[in-house]
Amino acid sequence: MSFPLLTATAALPALGAVATAAVPARQRTAAKWLALLVSLATLALAIVVLVRFDPDGARYQLTESHSWIRDFGVRYELGVDGIAVALIGLTALLMPFIVLAGWHDADPLETGSRRWRPTQGFFALILAVEAMVIISFEATDVFVFYIFFEAMLIPMYFLIGGFGDRAHSQGEEAASTQRSYAAVKFLLYNLAGGLIMLAAVIGLYVVAGSFSLQEIVQARADGSLTMATSTERWLFLGFFFAFAVKAPLWPLHTWLPNAMQESTAPVAVLITAVVDKVGTFAMLRFCLQLFPEASKWATPVILVLALISIVYGALLAVGQRDIKRLVAYASISHFGFIVMGIFAMTTQGQSGATLYMVNHGISTAALMLVAGFLISRRGSRLIADYGGVQKVAPVLAGTFLIGGLATLSLPGLAPFVSEFLVLVGTFSRYPVIGIIATFGIVLAALYTLVLYQRTMTGPVKPEVSAMPDLRVREVLVVAPLIVLLVLLGVYPKPLTSIVDPAVKQTMSDVQQKDPKPAVEAAK
């Protein structure tokens, strides 16, 4: 029996979460180091998964299959394709930086005060989320995926509601109320989506007699399983609704700005760079593979929703006064590009969408974590409270600028490649949608450069005149992310070579081929 590598990759952070939570209350530093070591060990396992994965091999590799709930046909089935490997790598890569960035976020609020926060719980919850996200990327049994898709909401609820941002101008009581509101809104939105998906999961089992993704896809391909058109469309809507909430796609996005605003910067990164990717990933793995006809049927409406997300999110980002809310609305715009790429039904679009998931995760992590360092120094999230920071903290300002430029998809940085592929793939099949979507790029440049201008340039405000520059720990968090943004912007082939074969197989599942160019290239 081969070593269960996929199980180990998800089980390690889960066990680490239990061990971290069990550290004695007075040993806060030990809990932090344990969480960091567990996240690094998980990254090492993710690298082993990446090395052992063969892009030209079988579609699902490193597979595991064991009977679980025999009476209901539920099997513990895991397997990864190129898309899942890329996102597992992203998740494992970001977690050590999230832990390091949040090193002091759960420290006692006041020295010698009874107002304290359980440091061990903070880091244990982060590791628990990592475990559930990784196994969601690995699951090829629909029921197993659903369990962890929903279970990750619980630790996220406590991270948002129990460990909120300390930079609040309205006092601790008001801050606690707003954190609770944001956490409950996050939970209710996602639970509503999950309940609708549960009904669709049950319906799928009634129709197919199995929860196994591979069995259902194979049965549909060889004709042994057929679904009535109306049935397939209703099941598709049940799955897609839950994924659109998680993504988040307009108009189901309204929980995200509140959640990111009230969270610490590392938890905000965990939400938008890691957890939300499960929604867009699941659109590729489950919506397109299980319901190919319904996916094509719904494509025009979904593309319109994605286009609204792109423009709407960018427009609202332009008008934000709160740094974190600005990044949240920018992320809504970026997720619109990802969904648009998925449902453009072209190889370039879906490859670009997958790359966008990875690159958006890295760029948003870089920008949000530097923003968190900035906010912790000044004690305010308001853009108007800053000015002239680049003169007193040039390294902080420089890394903030690079994160912002990556967010606007500057050529030479990683997000540009993915955004370009999404637009090319969309334009080749839906030129009007592709043309309008480019307006989002213009708005991205506007909100990013205005944010930098108002916070980093101009006269030095008295409140920031003594602001320290990035410390060693903070540089260790940000520098690797910036290096990755440059490397993947200049040379994205390591990612595309992993992702492209999986995308081609997904295109085959929905029986779509790339449109032929209007003018053939000269031979």
Protein backbone atom coordinates (compact mmCIF):
# COMPACT_ATOMS: atom_id res chain seq x y z
CA MET A 1 0.00 0.00 0.00
CA SER A 2 1.47 3.35 -1.05
CA PHE A 3 1.87 6.24 1.37
CA PRO A 4 -1.37 8.32 1.50
CA LEU A 5 0.30 11.57 0.53
CA LEU A 6 -2.88 13.54 -0.07
CA THR A 7 -4.36 12.52 3.26
CA ALA A 8 -1.12 13.41 5.00
CA THR A 9 -1.04 16.85 3.39
CA ALA A 10 -4.48 17.66 4.83
CA ALA A 11 -4.09 15.73 8.09
CA LEU A 12 -0.85 17.43 9.13
CA PRO A 13 -2.36 20.93 9.61
CA ALA A 14 -5.44 19.33 11.22
CA LEU A 15 -3.26 17.55 13.78
CA GLY A 16 -1.21 20.72 14.13
CA ALA A 17 -4.39 22.63 14.95
CA VAL A 18 -5.22 20.19 17.75
CA ALA A 19 -1.66 20.31 19.10
CA THR A 20 -1.55 24.11 18.95
CA ALA A 21 -4.85 24.42 20.79
CA ALA A 22 -3.52 22.08 23.50
CA VAL A 23 -0.48 24.24 24.28
CA PRO A 24 -0.76 25.66 27.83
CA ALA A 25 -2.28 29.14 27.98
CA ARG A 26 0.88 30.79 29.23
CA GLN A 27 3.00 29.36 26.41
CA ARG A 28 1.79 31.70 23.68
CA THR A 29 5.18 31.89 21.96
CA ALA A 30 5.42 28.10 21.83
CA ALA A 31 1.99 27.96 20.17
CA LYS A 32 3.13 30.44 17.52
CA TRP A 33 6.29 28.51 16.72
CA LEU A 34 4.39 25.23 16.59
CA ALA A 35 1.89 26.70 14.12
CA LEU A 36 4.71 28.07 11.97
CA LEU A 37 6.57 24.74 11.94
CA VAL A 38 3.38 22.85 11.04
CA SER A 39 2.65 25.27 8.18
CA LEU A 40 6.22 24.84 6.87
CA ALA A 41 5.96 21.05 7.11
CA THR A 42 2.66 21.18 5.20
CA LEU A 43 4.36 23.28 2.54
CA ALA A 44 7.06 20.61 2.27
CA LEU A 45 4.38 17.93 1.71
CA ALA A 46 2.68 20.14 -0.90
CA ILE A 47 6.01 20.42 -2.72
CA VAL A 48 6.26 16.60 -2.69
CA VAL A 49 2.77 16.45 -4.23
CA LEU A 50 3.88 18.92 -6.90
CA VAL A 51 7.05 16.95 -7.66
CA ARG A 52 5.24 13.61 -7.87
CA PHE A 53 2.46 14.96 -10.07
CA ASP A 54 2.94 14.25 -13.77
CA PRO A 55 1.11 16.81 -15.96
CA ASP A 56 1.12 14.36 -18.88
CA GLY A 57 -0.08 11.43 -16.79
CA ALA A 58 -3.55 10.34 -15.70
CA ARG A 59 -6.13 13.00 -15.05
CA TYR A 60 -6.36 12.30 -11.31
CA GLN A 61 -3.18 11.20 -9.61
CA LEU A 62 -2.04 10.16 -6.13
CA THR A 63 -5.55 8.81 -5.72
CA GLU A 64 -6.94 7.27 -2.54
CA SER A 65 -10.22 5.43 -2.25
CA HIS A 66 -11.72 3.78 0.83
CA SER A 67 -15.23 2.81 1.77
CA TRP A 68 -16.65 5.21 4.33
CA ILE A 69 -20.46 5.23 4.68
CA ARG A 70 -21.29 2.06 2.77
CA ASP A 71 -25.09 2.27 3.12
CA PHE A 72 -25.16 5.66 1.40
CA GLY A 73 -22.48 4.97 -1.19
CA VAL A 74 -20.07 7.50 0.30
CA ARG A 75 -16.39 6.78 -0.28
CA TYR A 76 -13.36 8.62 0.98
CA GLU A 77 -11.95 9.42 -2.45
CA LEU A 78 -9.11 11.84 -3.10
CA GLY A 79 -7.21 12.76 -6.25
CA VAL A 80 -5.55 15.77 -7.79
CA ASP A 81 -5.38 17.18 -11.28
CA GLY A 82 -3.19 20.09 -12.39
CA ILE A 83 -5.70 22.70 -11.22
CA ALA A 84 -5.94 21.20 -7.73
CA VAL A 85 -2.15 20.84 -7.44
CA ALA A 86 -1.67 24.53 -8.27
CA LEU A 87 -4.21 25.62 -5.64
CA ILE A 88 -2.89 23.25 -2.97
CA GLY A 89 0.52 24.77 -3.62
CA LEU A 90 -0.91 28.28 -3.27
CA THR A 91 -2.63 27.41 0.02
CA ALA A 92 0.43 25.76 1.55
CA LEU A 93 2.67 28.56 0.32
CA LEU A 94 0.64 31.36 1.87
CA MET A 95 0.06 29.78 5.28
CA PRO A 96 3.57 30.36 6.76
CA PHE A 97 3.34 34.02 5.70
CA ILE A 98 -0.14 34.31 7.23
CA VAL A 99 1.15 32.84 10.51
CA LEU A 100 4.20 35.13 10.54
CA ALA A 101 2.15 38.21 9.66
CA GLY A 102 -0.30 37.45 12.46
CA TRP A 103 2.43 36.81 15.02
CA HIS A 104 1.11 39.46 17.43
CA ASP A 105 -2.51 39.67 16.29
CA ALA A 106 -3.83 37.49 19.13
CA ASP A 107 -1.59 38.81 21.90
CA PRO A 108 -3.29 40.22 25.03
CA LEU A 109 -5.03 43.49 24.28
CA GLU A 110 -3.55 45.19 27.33
CA THR A 111 -0.61 44.19 29.51
CA GLY A 112 -1.86 42.96 32.88
CA SER A 113 -5.49 43.27 31.82
CA ARG A 114 -8.19 40.63 31.94
CA ARG A 115 -9.05 41.56 28.36
CA TRP A 116 -7.22 38.80 26.57
CA ARG A 117 -7.56 36.68 23.48
CA PRO A 118 -6.59 33.00 23.23
CA THR A 119 -3.43 33.07 21.13
CA GLN A 120 -3.42 29.30 20.80
CA GLY A 121 -6.96 29.35 19.46
CA PHE A 122 -6.11 31.92 16.81
CA PHE A 123 -3.32 29.86 15.28
CA ALA A 124 -5.18 26.58 15.74
CA LEU A 125 -8.14 27.97 13.77
CA ILE A 126 -5.83 29.10 10.96
CA LEU A 127 -4.35 25.60 10.69
CA ALA A 128 -7.84 24.06 10.79
CA VAL A 129 -8.92 26.21 7.84
CA GLU A 130 -5.80 25.17 5.93
CA ALA A 131 -6.60 21.47 6.46
CA MET A 132 -10.19 21.85 5.27
CA VAL A 133 -9.27 23.91 2.22
CA ILE A 134 -6.60 21.41 1.14
CA ILE A 135 -8.90 18.41 1.43
CA SER A 136 -11.59 20.33 -0.48
CA PHE A 137 -9.14 20.65 -3.38
CA GLU A 138 -8.34 16.93 -3.13
CA ALA A 139 -11.83 15.43 -2.75
CA THR A 140 -13.26 13.60 -5.75
CA ASP A 141 -16.29 12.34 -3.84
CA VAL A 142 -19.01 15.00 -3.94
CA PHE A 143 -20.22 14.25 -0.41
CA VAL A 144 -16.72 14.42 1.08
CA PHE A 145 -16.17 17.74 -0.70
CA TYR A 146 -19.46 19.09 0.66
CA ILE A 147 -18.59 18.21 4.26
CA PHE A 148 -15.35 20.18 4.24
CA PHE A 149 -16.76 22.93 2.02
CA GLU A 150 -19.21 23.63 4.83
CA ALA A 151 -17.01 22.75 7.80
CA MET A 152 -14.46 25.44 7.00
CA LEU A 153 -17.12 28.05 7.78
CA ILE A 154 -16.91 27.33 11.52
CA PRO A 155 -13.24 28.23 12.13
CA MET A 156 -13.60 31.19 9.76
CA TYR A 157 -16.58 32.45 11.76
CA PHE A 158 -14.52 32.49 14.96
CA LEU A 159 -11.51 34.07 13.24
CA ILE A 160 -13.65 36.95 11.97
CA GLY A 161 -15.81 37.41 15.05
CA GLY A 162 -13.29 36.66 17.77
CA PHE A 163 -10.04 38.11 16.44
CA GLY A 164 -10.95 41.30 14.68
CA ASP A 165 -8.86 44.27 13.65
CA ARG A 166 -7.79 46.48 16.55
CA ALA A 167 -7.66 49.60 14.36
CA HIS A 168 -11.18 50.84 15.07
CA SER A 169 -12.11 54.45 15.68
CA GLN A 170 -15.42 53.78 17.48
CA GLY A 171 -14.19 52.01 20.59
CA GLU A 172 -13.95 48.36 21.60
CA GLU A 173 -17.69 47.86 22.16
CA ALA A 174 -18.61 49.19 18.72
CA ALA A 175 -15.79 47.18 17.19
CA SER A 176 -17.03 43.99 18.83
CA THR A 177 -20.55 44.63 17.53
CA GLN A 178 -19.34 45.17 13.98
CA ARG A 179 -17.11 42.09 14.13
CA SER A 180 -20.05 39.99 15.28
CA TYR A 181 -22.20 41.41 12.50
CA ALA A 182 -19.55 40.63 9.87
CA ALA A 183 -19.02 37.10 11.20
CA VAL A 184 -22.73 36.30 11.32
CA LYS A 185 -23.29 37.73 7.83
CA PHE A 186 -20.41 35.63 6.49
CA LEU A 187 -21.83 32.52 8.12
CA LEU A 188 -25.45 33.05 7.07
CA TYR A 189 -24.64 33.79 3.43
CA ASN A 190 -22.40 30.75 3.10
CA LEU A 191 -24.71 28.45 5.06
CA ALA A 192 -27.60 29.45 2.81
CA GLY A 193 -25.53 28.54 -0.23
CA GLY A 194 -24.46 25.30 1.43
CA LEU A 195 -28.00 24.24 2.24
CA ILE A 196 -29.09 24.73 -1.35
CA MET A 197 -26.06 22.75 -2.47
CA LEU A 198 -26.94 19.95 -0.04
CA ALA A 199 -30.31 19.57 -1.73
CA ALA A 200 -28.52 19.39 -5.09
CA VAL A 201 -26.01 16.83 -3.74
CA ILE A 202 -28.87 14.61 -2.59
CA GLY A 203 -30.61 15.06 -5.94
CA LEU A 204 -27.42 14.10 -7.76
CA TYR A 205 -27.18 10.88 -5.74
CA VAL A 206 -30.81 10.04 -6.48
CA VAL A 207 -30.19 10.47 -10.21
CA ALA A 208 -26.69 8.98 -10.46
CA GLY A 209 -26.67 6.46 -7.60
CA SER A 210 -23.16 7.59 -6.63
CA PHE A 211 -21.25 10.48 -5.11
CA SER A 212 -18.03 9.65 -6.99
CA LEU A 213 -17.10 12.41 -9.41
CA GLN A 214 -15.07 10.09 -11.60
CA GLU A 215 -17.78 7.43 -11.78
CA ILE A 216 -20.49 9.95 -12.67
CA VAL A 217 -18.38 11.67 -15.33
CA GLN A 218 -17.42 8.32 -16.85
CA ALA A 219 -21.02 7.10 -16.81
CA ARG A 220 -22.17 10.23 -18.59
CA ALA A 221 -19.39 9.89 -21.16
CA ASP A 222 -20.21 6.27 -22.07
CA GLY A 223 -23.97 6.88 -22.08
CA SER A 224 -24.86 4.63 -19.15
CA LEU A 225 -26.12 7.66 -17.21
CA THR A 226 -28.46 10.24 -18.68
CA MET A 227 -30.12 13.19 -16.99
CA ALA A 228 -33.25 14.99 -18.06
CA THR A 229 -32.39 18.49 -19.23
CA SER A 230 -34.51 20.16 -16.55
CA THR A 231 -33.03 17.94 -13.82
CA GLU A 232 -29.47 18.71 -14.85
CA ARG A 233 -30.16 22.43 -14.92
CA TRP A 234 -31.73 22.48 -11.46
CA LEU A 235 -28.85 20.47 -10.01
CA PHE A 236 -26.35 22.78 -11.69
CA LEU A 237 -28.05 25.84 -10.18
CA GLY A 238 -27.90 24.28 -6.71
CA PHE A 239 -24.16 23.71 -6.98
CA PHE A 240 -23.40 27.00 -8.72
CA PHE A 241 -25.31 29.10 -6.19
CA ALA A 242 -23.17 27.82 -3.32
CA PHE A 243 -19.96 28.35 -5.29
CA ALA A 244 -21.01 31.84 -6.38
CA VAL A 245 -21.56 32.84 -2.74
CA LYS A 246 -18.13 31.54 -1.81
CA ALA A 247 -16.45 33.06 -4.88
CA PRO A 248 -17.94 35.82 -4.29
CA LEU A 249 -19.92 36.75 -7.41
CA TRP A 250 -22.29 39.72 -7.71
CA PRO A 251 -24.98 39.97 -6.27
CA LEU A 252 -23.98 37.39 -3.62
CA HIS A 253 -20.83 39.26 -2.64
CA THR A 254 -21.98 41.63 0.09
CA TRP A 255 -20.57 39.58 2.98
CA LEU A 256 -16.96 39.99 1.77
CA PRO A 257 -16.32 43.73 2.40
CA ASN A 258 -17.64 43.45 5.96
CA ALA A 259 -15.65 40.29 6.67
CA MET A 260 -12.38 41.70 5.34
CA GLN A 261 -12.86 45.08 7.00
CA GLU A 262 -13.38 43.59 10.46
CA SER A 263 -10.73 40.86 10.21
CA THR A 264 -7.05 41.15 10.95
CA ALA A 265 -4.97 41.47 7.77
CA PRO A 266 -3.77 37.80 7.86
CA VAL A 267 -7.35 36.56 8.27
CA ALA A 268 -8.48 38.85 5.44
CA VAL A 269 -5.81 37.19 3.27
CA LEU A 270 -7.03 33.78 4.41
CA ILE A 271 -10.55 34.70 3.28
CA THR A 272 -9.91 36.14 -0.16
CA ALA A 273 -6.64 34.45 -1.18
CA VAL A 274 -7.40 30.94 0.10
CA VAL A 275 -10.98 30.17 1.17
CA ASP A 276 -12.76 32.00 -1.66
CA LYS A 277 -10.70 30.06 -4.22
CA VAL A 278 -12.62 26.92 -3.25
CA GLY A 279 -15.69 28.45 -4.90
CA THR A 280 -14.09 29.15 -8.27
CA PHE A 281 -12.16 25.86 -8.20
CA ALA A 282 -15.41 23.97 -7.59
CA MET A 283 -17.00 25.62 -10.62
CA LEU A 284 -14.30 24.01 -12.76
CA ARG A 285 -14.28 20.64 -11.02
CA PHE A 286 -17.96 20.05 -10.30
CA CYS A 287 -20.20 22.40 -12.31
CA LEU A 288 -18.50 21.88 -15.66
CA GLN A 289 -17.70 18.19 -15.27
CA LEU A 290 -20.97 17.01 -13.73
CA PHE A 291 -23.36 19.26 -15.67
CA PRO A 292 -21.82 20.10 -19.07
CA GLU A 293 -25.10 20.89 -20.87
CA ALA A 294 -26.40 23.05 -18.03
CA SER A 295 -23.06 24.86 -17.82
CA LYS A 296 -23.34 25.87 -21.48
CA TRP A 297 -27.00 26.78 -20.99
CA ALA A 298 -26.19 29.12 -18.08
CA THR A 299 -23.06 30.64 -19.63
CA PRO A 300 -24.62 33.87 -21.05
CA VAL A 301 -26.18 34.83 -17.70
CA ILE A 302 -23.06 33.92 -15.72
CA LEU A 303 -20.86 35.98 -18.04
CA VAL A 304 -23.12 39.00 -17.51
CA LEU A 305 -22.90 38.51 -13.72
CA ALA A 306 -19.12 38.22 -13.97
CA LEU A 307 -18.96 41.37 -16.06
CA ILE A 308 -21.07 43.25 -13.50
CA SER A 309 -18.72 42.00 -10.76
CA ILE A 310 -15.70 43.31 -12.66
CA VAL A 311 -17.04 46.81 -13.25
CA TYR A 312 -19.12 47.14 -10.08
CA GLY A 313 -16.32 45.98 -7.80
CA ALA A 314 -13.80 48.29 -9.43
CA LEU A 315 -16.13 51.31 -9.32
CA LEU A 316 -16.82 50.82 -5.63
CA ALA A 317 -13.12 50.33 -4.93
CA VAL A 318 -12.46 53.77 -6.45
CA GLY A 319 -14.76 55.42 -3.92
CA GLN A 320 -13.63 53.65 -0.75
CA ARG A 321 -12.21 55.52 2.23
CA ASP A 322 -11.21 52.35 4.11
CA ILE A 323 -8.07 50.56 2.89
CA LYS A 324 -9.37 47.07 3.62
CA ARG A 325 -12.73 47.67 1.99
CA LEU A 326 -10.91 48.94 -1.09
CA VAL A 327 -8.95 45.70 -1.34
CA ALA A 328 -12.18 43.73 -0.76
CA TYR A 329 -14.01 45.42 -3.65
CA ALA A 330 -10.92 45.04 -5.84
CA SER A 331 -11.04 41.31 -5.09
CA ILE A 332 -14.70 41.16 -6.12
CA SER A 333 -13.65 42.67 -9.45
CA HIS A 334 -10.83 40.14 -9.81
CA PHE A 335 -13.11 37.21 -9.02
CA GLY A 336 -15.33 38.48 -11.81
CA PHE A 337 -12.40 37.99 -14.19
CA ILE A 338 -11.86 34.45 -12.85
CA VAL A 339 -15.51 33.43 -13.31
CA MET A 340 -15.55 35.04 -16.75
CA GLY A 341 -12.50 33.02 -17.77
CA ILE A 342 -14.05 29.78 -16.54
CA PHE A 343 -17.31 30.24 -18.43
CA ALA A 344 -15.77 31.68 -21.57
CA MET A 345 -15.41 27.99 -22.46
CA THR A 346 -12.03 28.43 -24.11
CA THR A 347 -8.65 26.94 -23.29
CA GLN A 348 -7.06 30.37 -22.87
CA GLY A 349 -9.91 31.57 -20.64
CA GLN A 350 -9.87 28.60 -18.28
CA SER A 351 -6.06 28.45 -18.13
CA GLY A 352 -6.05 32.18 -17.41
CA ALA A 353 -8.73 31.76 -14.75
CA THR A 354 -6.71 29.07 -12.96
CA LEU A 355 -3.55 31.16 -13.14
CA TYR A 356 -5.58 34.13 -11.91
CA MET A 357 -6.60 32.16 -8.81
CA VAL A 358 -2.93 31.57 -7.97
CA ASN A 359 -1.65 35.01 -8.96
CA HIS A 360 -4.49 36.85 -7.28
CA GLY A 361 -3.76 34.92 -4.11
CA ILE A 362 -0.12 36.00 -4.13
CA SER A 363 -0.73 39.63 -5.13
CA THR A 364 -3.60 40.17 -2.71
CA ALA A 365 -1.57 38.58 0.09
CA ALA A 366 1.33 40.94 -0.62
CA LEU A 367 -0.87 44.06 -0.76
CA MET A 368 -3.11 43.21 2.19
CA LEU A 369 -0.30 42.10 4.49
CA VAL A 370 1.69 45.29 3.85
CA ALA A 371 -1.52 47.26 4.38
CA GLY A 372 -1.93 45.41 7.68
CA PHE A 373 1.56 46.40 8.76
CA LEU A 374 0.74 50.00 7.82
CA ILE A 375 -2.56 50.00 9.70
CA SER A 376 -1.03 48.46 12.83
CA ARG A 377 1.47 51.34 12.99
CA ARG A 378 -1.04 54.15 12.59
CA GLY A 379 -4.02 52.49 14.26
CA SER A 380 -6.42 53.52 11.48
CA ARG A 381 -7.83 51.97 8.32
CA LEU A 382 -8.89 55.31 6.83
CA ILE A 383 -6.96 56.45 3.76
CA ALA A 384 -7.30 60.09 4.79
CA ASP A 385 -5.27 59.46 7.96
CA TYR A 386 -2.11 58.82 5.96
CA GLY A 387 0.24 60.88 3.82
CA GLY A 388 3.95 61.04 3.07
CA VAL A 389 4.65 57.53 4.36
CA GLN A 390 7.26 56.89 1.65
CA LYS A 391 9.52 59.55 3.19
CA VAL A 392 9.60 57.93 6.62
CA ALA A 393 9.17 54.23 5.70
CA PRO A 394 10.50 53.76 2.15
CA VAL A 395 10.68 49.95 2.26
CA LEU A 396 7.07 49.73 3.43
CA ALA A 397 5.99 52.17 0.72
CA GLY A 398 7.97 50.33 -1.96
CA THR A 399 6.50 46.92 -1.15
CA PHE A 400 3.04 48.49 -0.95
CA LEU A 401 3.55 49.93 -4.43
CA ILE A 402 4.64 46.61 -5.92
CA GLY A 403 1.63 44.86 -4.36
CA GLY A 404 -0.62 47.57 -5.79
CA LEU A 405 0.94 47.37 -9.25
CA ALA A 406 0.42 43.61 -9.22
CA THR A 407 -3.23 44.21 -8.31
CA LEU A 408 -3.68 46.39 -11.39
CA SER A 409 -1.97 43.68 -13.49
CA LEU A 410 1.09 45.63 -14.56
CA PRO A 411 3.00 43.82 -17.36
CA GLY A 412 5.97 41.98 -15.88
CA LEU A 413 4.08 40.97 -12.75
CA ALA A 414 2.24 37.66 -12.40
CA PRO A 415 -1.44 38.80 -12.56
CA PHE A 416 -0.89 40.38 -15.99
CA VAL A 417 -0.39 36.99 -17.65
CA SER A 418 -3.57 35.53 -16.20
CA GLU A 419 -5.70 38.59 -16.87
CA PHE A 420 -4.44 38.76 -20.46
CA LEU A 421 -5.30 35.09 -21.06
CA VAL A 422 -8.79 35.56 -19.58
CA LEU A 423 -9.47 38.55 -21.82
CA VAL A 424 -8.09 36.82 -24.95
CA GLY A 425 -10.07 33.67 -24.21
CA THR A 426 -13.27 35.62 -23.61
CA PHE A 427 -12.86 37.91 -26.61
CA SER A 428 -12.40 34.97 -29.00
CA ARG A 429 -15.91 33.69 -28.19
CA TYR A 430 -17.71 36.70 -26.66
CA PRO A 431 -16.06 39.84 -28.06
CA VAL A 432 -18.54 42.33 -26.57
CA ILE A 433 -18.08 40.90 -23.07
CA GLY A 434 -14.31 40.94 -23.51
CA ILE A 435 -14.26 44.56 -24.65
CA ILE A 436 -16.41 45.82 -21.77
CA ALA A 437 -14.35 43.82 -19.26
CA THR A 438 -11.21 45.75 -20.22
CA PHE A 439 -12.81 48.77 -18.57
CA GLY A 440 -12.07 47.03 -15.28
CA ILE A 441 -8.34 47.33 -16.01
CA VAL A 442 -8.63 51.12 -16.33
CA LEU A 443 -10.52 51.35 -13.05
CA ALA A 444 -7.95 49.09 -11.35
CA ALA A 445 -5.20 51.50 -12.31
CA LEU A 446 -7.29 54.37 -10.93
CA TYR A 447 -8.07 52.93 -7.49
CA THR A 448 -4.59 51.49 -7.00
CA LEU A 449 -2.64 54.62 -7.93
CA VAL A 450 -5.01 56.93 -6.05
CA LEU A 451 -4.61 54.73 -2.95
CA TYR A 452 -0.83 54.93 -3.20
CA GLN A 453 -0.84 58.66 -3.88
CA ARG A 454 -3.06 59.48 -0.90
CA THR A 455 -1.25 57.27 1.59
CA MET A 456 2.39 57.32 0.55
CA THR A 457 3.08 60.63 -1.21
CA GLY A 458 2.65 64.31 -0.33
CA PRO A 459 3.50 66.09 2.92
CA VAL A 460 4.29 63.89 5.91
CA LYS A 461 1.39 63.99 8.36
CA PRO A 462 2.42 64.45 12.01
CA GLU A 463 0.78 61.15 12.98
CA VAL A 464 3.06 59.16 10.62
CA SER A 465 6.25 61.18 11.07
CA ALA A 466 7.68 58.65 13.55
CA MET A 467 6.38 55.55 11.75
CA PRO A 468 9.00 52.76 11.71
CA ASP A 469 9.86 50.95 8.50
CA LEU A 470 9.32 47.23 7.98
CA ARG A 471 10.95 45.03 10.58
CA VAL A 472 12.86 41.83 9.80
CA ARG A 473 9.85 39.57 10.41
CA GLU A 474 7.70 41.72 8.14
CA VAL A 475 10.31 41.75 5.39
CA LEU A 476 10.46 37.93 5.61
CA VAL A 477 6.70 37.90 5.02
CA VAL A 478 6.57 40.27 2.06
CA ALA A 479 9.85 39.75 0.17
CA PRO A 480 9.19 36.14 -1.00
CA LEU A 481 5.74 37.14 -2.27
CA ILE A 482 7.20 39.99 -4.31
CA VAL A 483 9.88 37.70 -5.74
CA LEU A 484 7.17 35.25 -6.80
CA LEU A 485 5.13 38.01 -8.43
CA VAL A 486 8.13 38.95 -10.55
CA LEU A 487 9.22 35.39 -11.38
CA LEU A 488 5.74 34.22 -12.41
CA GLY A 489 5.23 37.46 -14.32
CA VAL A 490 8.37 36.91 -16.37
CA TYR A 491 8.25 33.10 -16.61
CA PRO A 492 4.79 31.57 -15.99
CA LYS A 493 5.58 28.28 -17.79
CA PRO A 494 6.01 26.21 -14.59
CA LEU A 495 2.38 26.94 -13.77
CA THR A 496 0.93 26.73 -17.26
CA SER A 497 2.58 23.35 -17.91
CA ILE A 498 0.77 21.93 -14.87
CA VAL A 499 -2.58 23.58 -15.50
CA ASP A 500 -3.05 23.31 -19.28
CA PRO A 501 -3.59 19.50 -19.55
CA ALA A 502 -6.30 19.62 -16.86
CA VAL A 503 -7.99 22.54 -18.62
CA LYS A 504 -8.03 20.65 -21.93
CA GLN A 505 -9.69 17.69 -20.25
CA THR A 506 -12.31 19.97 -18.72
CA MET A 507 -12.98 21.47 -22.15
CA SER A 508 -13.46 17.95 -23.45
CA ASP A 509 -15.98 17.22 -20.69
CA VAL A 510 -18.17 20.12 -21.80
CA GLN A 511 -17.59 19.21 -25.45
CA GLN A 512 -16.23 22.61 -26.36
CA LYS A 513 -13.47 23.53 -28.77
CA ASP A 514 -11.67 26.83 -29.10
CA PRO A 515 -13.14 29.10 -31.80
CA LYS A 516 -11.17 29.20 -34.99
CA PRO A 517 -9.52 32.57 -35.67
CA ALA A 518 -11.25 34.75 -38.23
CA VAL A 519 -8.01 34.97 -40.19
CA GLU A 520 -5.79 31.91 -40.44
CA ALA A 521 -2.08 32.44 -39.83
CA ALA A 522 0.10 32.28 -42.91
CA LYS A 523 1.96 29.00 -43.31
